[in-house]
Amino acid sequence: MFDAPLDAWYVWLGVTVVSFAVLGVAIELPTAPPPNAASVADTVDSVAGCTYTATAEHPLSARKIKLGPRRLGLNGKGGIAHATFAYGPVVPVVPDGGRRSDSTSRLNRVLSGSPPSAVFDSPADFRAAIRESRDHQSVWRRAHSTLRVRCVSWEGVDATLVSG
């Protein structure tokens, strides 16, 4: 007696609206977990904590990366994840094809394995390139498949170079 008759138009309209709402929520749910930014930061920290020249690589599953001197962000299919470095600040190096400055290109060569003494004229030039790279505002950019890290020292100038 108190039930709504199933042939009432407003019952069908309500069921339709609720069905579309549930469908919309189901479609918006992420299909993958966010990238694991903590494991990437751990890789950087394992190299940054070294007292000798060291290198490491970490595969990236993110589409975009935001790399700063003290933290990083990864943006992937499952959302955005951030992590802070325990050792820092690091030197974010934009891969060739990004910022096109001479110091960035030279830092890329050091990151790729060249000794700083073969790339820079003096430790002061190396220190200036490090400072310039740290001072740039970090922005989201396309992530490469691998994050590269290298810790180098040259006559009292220590740096952990990171590029993704």
Protein backbone atom coordinates (compact mmCIF):
# COMPACT_ATOMS: atom_id res chain seq x y z
CA MET A 1 0.00 0.00 0.00
CA PHE A 2 2.89 2.39 0.72
CA ASP A 3 5.09 1.13 -2.13
CA ALA A 4 5.56 3.17 -5.29
CA PRO A 5 4.10 1.51 -8.31
CA LEU A 6 6.80 0.38 -10.74
CA ASP A 7 5.01 1.92 -13.67
CA ALA A 8 5.45 5.41 -12.23
CA TRP A 9 7.69 7.53 -14.46
CA TYR A 10 9.58 9.15 -11.58
CA VAL A 11 10.78 5.76 -10.27
CA TRP A 12 12.27 4.91 -13.64
CA LEU A 13 13.81 8.37 -13.92
CA GLY A 14 15.38 8.01 -10.46
CA VAL A 15 16.80 4.58 -11.26
CA THR A 16 18.26 5.94 -14.50
CA VAL A 17 19.92 8.90 -12.78
CA VAL A 18 21.41 6.69 -10.06
CA SER A 19 22.68 4.22 -12.69
CA PHE A 20 24.43 6.99 -14.62
CA ALA A 21 25.97 8.34 -11.42
CA VAL A 22 27.34 4.91 -10.47
CA LEU A 23 28.65 4.41 -14.01
CA GLY A 24 30.39 7.81 -13.91
CA VAL A 25 32.11 6.98 -10.62
CA ALA A 26 33.23 3.58 -11.94
CA ILE A 27 34.69 5.12 -15.10
CA GLU A 28 36.64 7.75 -13.14
CA LEU A 29 38.35 5.24 -10.85
CA PRO A 30 42.06 4.85 -11.72
CA THR A 31 42.93 1.62 -13.47
CA ALA A 32 46.51 1.55 -12.16
CA PRO A 33 48.26 2.56 -8.96
CA PRO A 34 50.17 5.86 -8.92
CA PRO A 35 53.90 5.65 -9.73
CA ASN A 36 56.15 4.63 -6.84
CA ALA A 37 57.93 7.90 -6.13
CA ALA A 38 59.37 6.60 -2.83
CA SER A 39 61.42 3.88 -4.53
CA VAL A 40 62.78 6.41 -7.04
CA ALA A 41 63.75 8.75 -4.18
CA ASP A 42 65.41 5.81 -2.38
CA THR A 43 67.56 5.19 -5.47
CA VAL A 44 68.63 8.84 -5.52
CA ASP A 45 69.36 8.75 -1.78
CA SER A 46 71.46 5.59 -2.11
CA VAL A 47 73.77 7.41 -4.51
CA ALA A 48 73.62 10.81 -2.80
CA GLY A 49 74.78 9.30 0.48
CA CYS A 50 78.01 7.97 -1.03
CA THR A 51 81.44 9.35 -0.24
CA TYR A 52 82.83 8.19 -3.60
CA THR A 53 81.78 8.47 -7.23
CA ALA A 54 78.68 6.36 -7.74
CA THR A 55 75.96 5.92 -10.34
CA ALA A 56 72.52 4.34 -10.44
CA GLU A 57 69.54 3.97 -12.72
CA HIS A 58 65.90 3.40 -11.87
CA PRO A 59 63.15 2.51 -14.37
CA LEU A 60 60.30 5.00 -14.53
CA SER A 61 56.69 4.05 -15.20
CA ALA A 62 55.48 7.65 -15.14
CA ARG A 63 54.55 9.80 -18.10
CA LYS A 64 55.74 13.05 -16.50
CA ILE A 65 58.32 13.98 -13.89
CA LYS A 66 58.88 17.08 -11.78
CA LEU A 67 62.39 17.06 -10.41
CA GLY A 68 63.56 19.58 -7.85
CA PRO A 69 66.60 19.88 -5.57
CA ARG A 70 64.79 18.39 -2.55
CA ARG A 71 61.87 16.37 -3.95
CA LEU A 72 60.38 14.76 -7.02
CA GLY A 73 56.93 14.17 -8.42
CA LEU A 74 55.78 11.45 -10.80
CA ASN A 75 52.58 11.61 -12.84
CA GLY A 76 51.30 8.36 -14.33
CA LYS A 77 48.09 6.61 -15.32
CA GLY A 78 47.14 6.03 -11.69
CA GLY A 79 47.68 9.59 -10.50
CA ILE A 80 50.44 11.72 -9.02
CA ALA A 81 52.95 10.71 -6.33
CA HIS A 82 55.60 12.81 -4.58
CA ALA A 83 58.65 11.94 -2.49
CA THR A 84 61.30 13.94 -0.66
CA PHE A 85 65.01 13.16 -0.80
CA ALA A 86 66.71 12.32 2.50
CA TYR A 87 70.05 13.58 1.18
CA GLY A 88 70.03 16.83 -0.64
CA PRO A 89 69.91 19.09 -2.32
CA VAL A 90 70.50 17.22 -5.56
CA VAL A 91 71.20 18.79 -8.95
CA PRO A 92 68.28 18.33 -11.38
CA VAL A 93 69.65 17.99 -14.89
CA VAL A 94 67.27 18.41 -17.80
CA PRO A 95 68.09 15.87 -20.50
CA ASP A 96 69.41 17.23 -23.79
CA GLY A 97 66.47 18.57 -25.70
CA GLY A 98 65.04 20.36 -22.65
CA ARG A 99 66.60 23.60 -21.43
CA ARG A 100 69.29 24.39 -23.96
CA SER A 101 71.97 26.16 -21.97
CA ASP A 102 75.67 25.43 -22.14
CA SER A 103 75.89 24.50 -18.45
CA THR A 104 72.97 22.05 -18.77
CA SER A 105 74.62 20.36 -21.72
CA ARG A 106 77.90 20.08 -19.80
CA LEU A 107 76.15 18.69 -16.71
CA ASN A 108 74.53 16.09 -18.98
CA ARG A 109 77.98 15.03 -20.15
CA VAL A 110 79.15 14.65 -16.54
CA LEU A 111 76.01 12.69 -15.73
CA SER A 112 76.75 10.42 -18.69
CA GLY A 113 80.18 9.54 -17.29
CA SER A 114 82.65 12.25 -18.29
CA PRO A 115 84.82 13.51 -15.44
CA PRO A 116 84.02 17.11 -14.44
CA SER A 117 87.64 18.09 -15.10
CA ALA A 118 87.21 17.15 -18.77
CA VAL A 119 84.01 19.16 -19.16
CA PHE A 120 84.51 22.27 -17.01
CA ASP A 121 87.45 24.67 -16.95
CA SER A 122 87.60 24.87 -13.15
CA PRO A 123 85.81 23.72 -10.02
CA ALA A 124 84.34 27.25 -9.80
CA ASP A 125 82.70 26.77 -13.24
CA PHE A 126 81.36 23.40 -12.10
CA ARG A 127 79.97 24.98 -8.91
CA ALA A 128 78.32 27.79 -10.96
CA ALA A 129 76.64 25.25 -13.28
CA ILE A 130 75.35 23.34 -10.24
CA ARG A 131 73.97 26.53 -8.70
CA GLU A 132 72.30 27.54 -11.99
CA SER A 133 70.64 24.14 -12.33
CA ARG A 134 69.34 24.18 -8.75
CA ASP A 135 67.97 27.71 -9.12
CA HIS A 136 65.65 26.86 -12.03
CA GLN A 137 61.99 26.37 -11.18
CA SER A 138 61.02 22.71 -11.42
CA VAL A 139 58.25 22.04 -13.92
CA TRP A 140 56.41 18.97 -15.17
CA ARG A 141 58.05 17.53 -18.28
CA ARG A 142 57.95 14.27 -20.20
CA ALA A 143 59.64 11.47 -18.28
CA HIS A 144 62.14 9.21 -19.96
CA SER A 145 62.07 5.47 -19.31
CA THR A 146 64.98 5.61 -16.85
CA LEU A 147 66.04 7.97 -14.08
CA ARG A 148 69.82 8.41 -13.97
CA VAL A 149 71.80 9.45 -10.89
CA ARG A 150 75.52 10.16 -10.48
CA CYS A 151 77.42 11.42 -7.45
CA VAL A 152 80.67 13.22 -8.32
CA SER A 153 83.34 15.17 -6.45
CA TRP A 154 85.95 17.47 -7.91
CA GLU A 155 88.34 19.44 -5.72
CA GLY A 156 85.85 20.10 -2.95
CA VAL A 157 82.78 20.47 -5.17
CA ASP A 158 80.36 17.63 -4.47
CA ALA A 159 77.20 17.08 -6.49
CA THR A 160 74.52 14.46 -7.04
CA LEU A 161 73.29 14.87 -10.60
CA VAL A 162 69.80 13.50 -11.36
CA SER A 163 67.95 13.30 -14.65
CA GLY A 164 64.77 11.52 -15.69
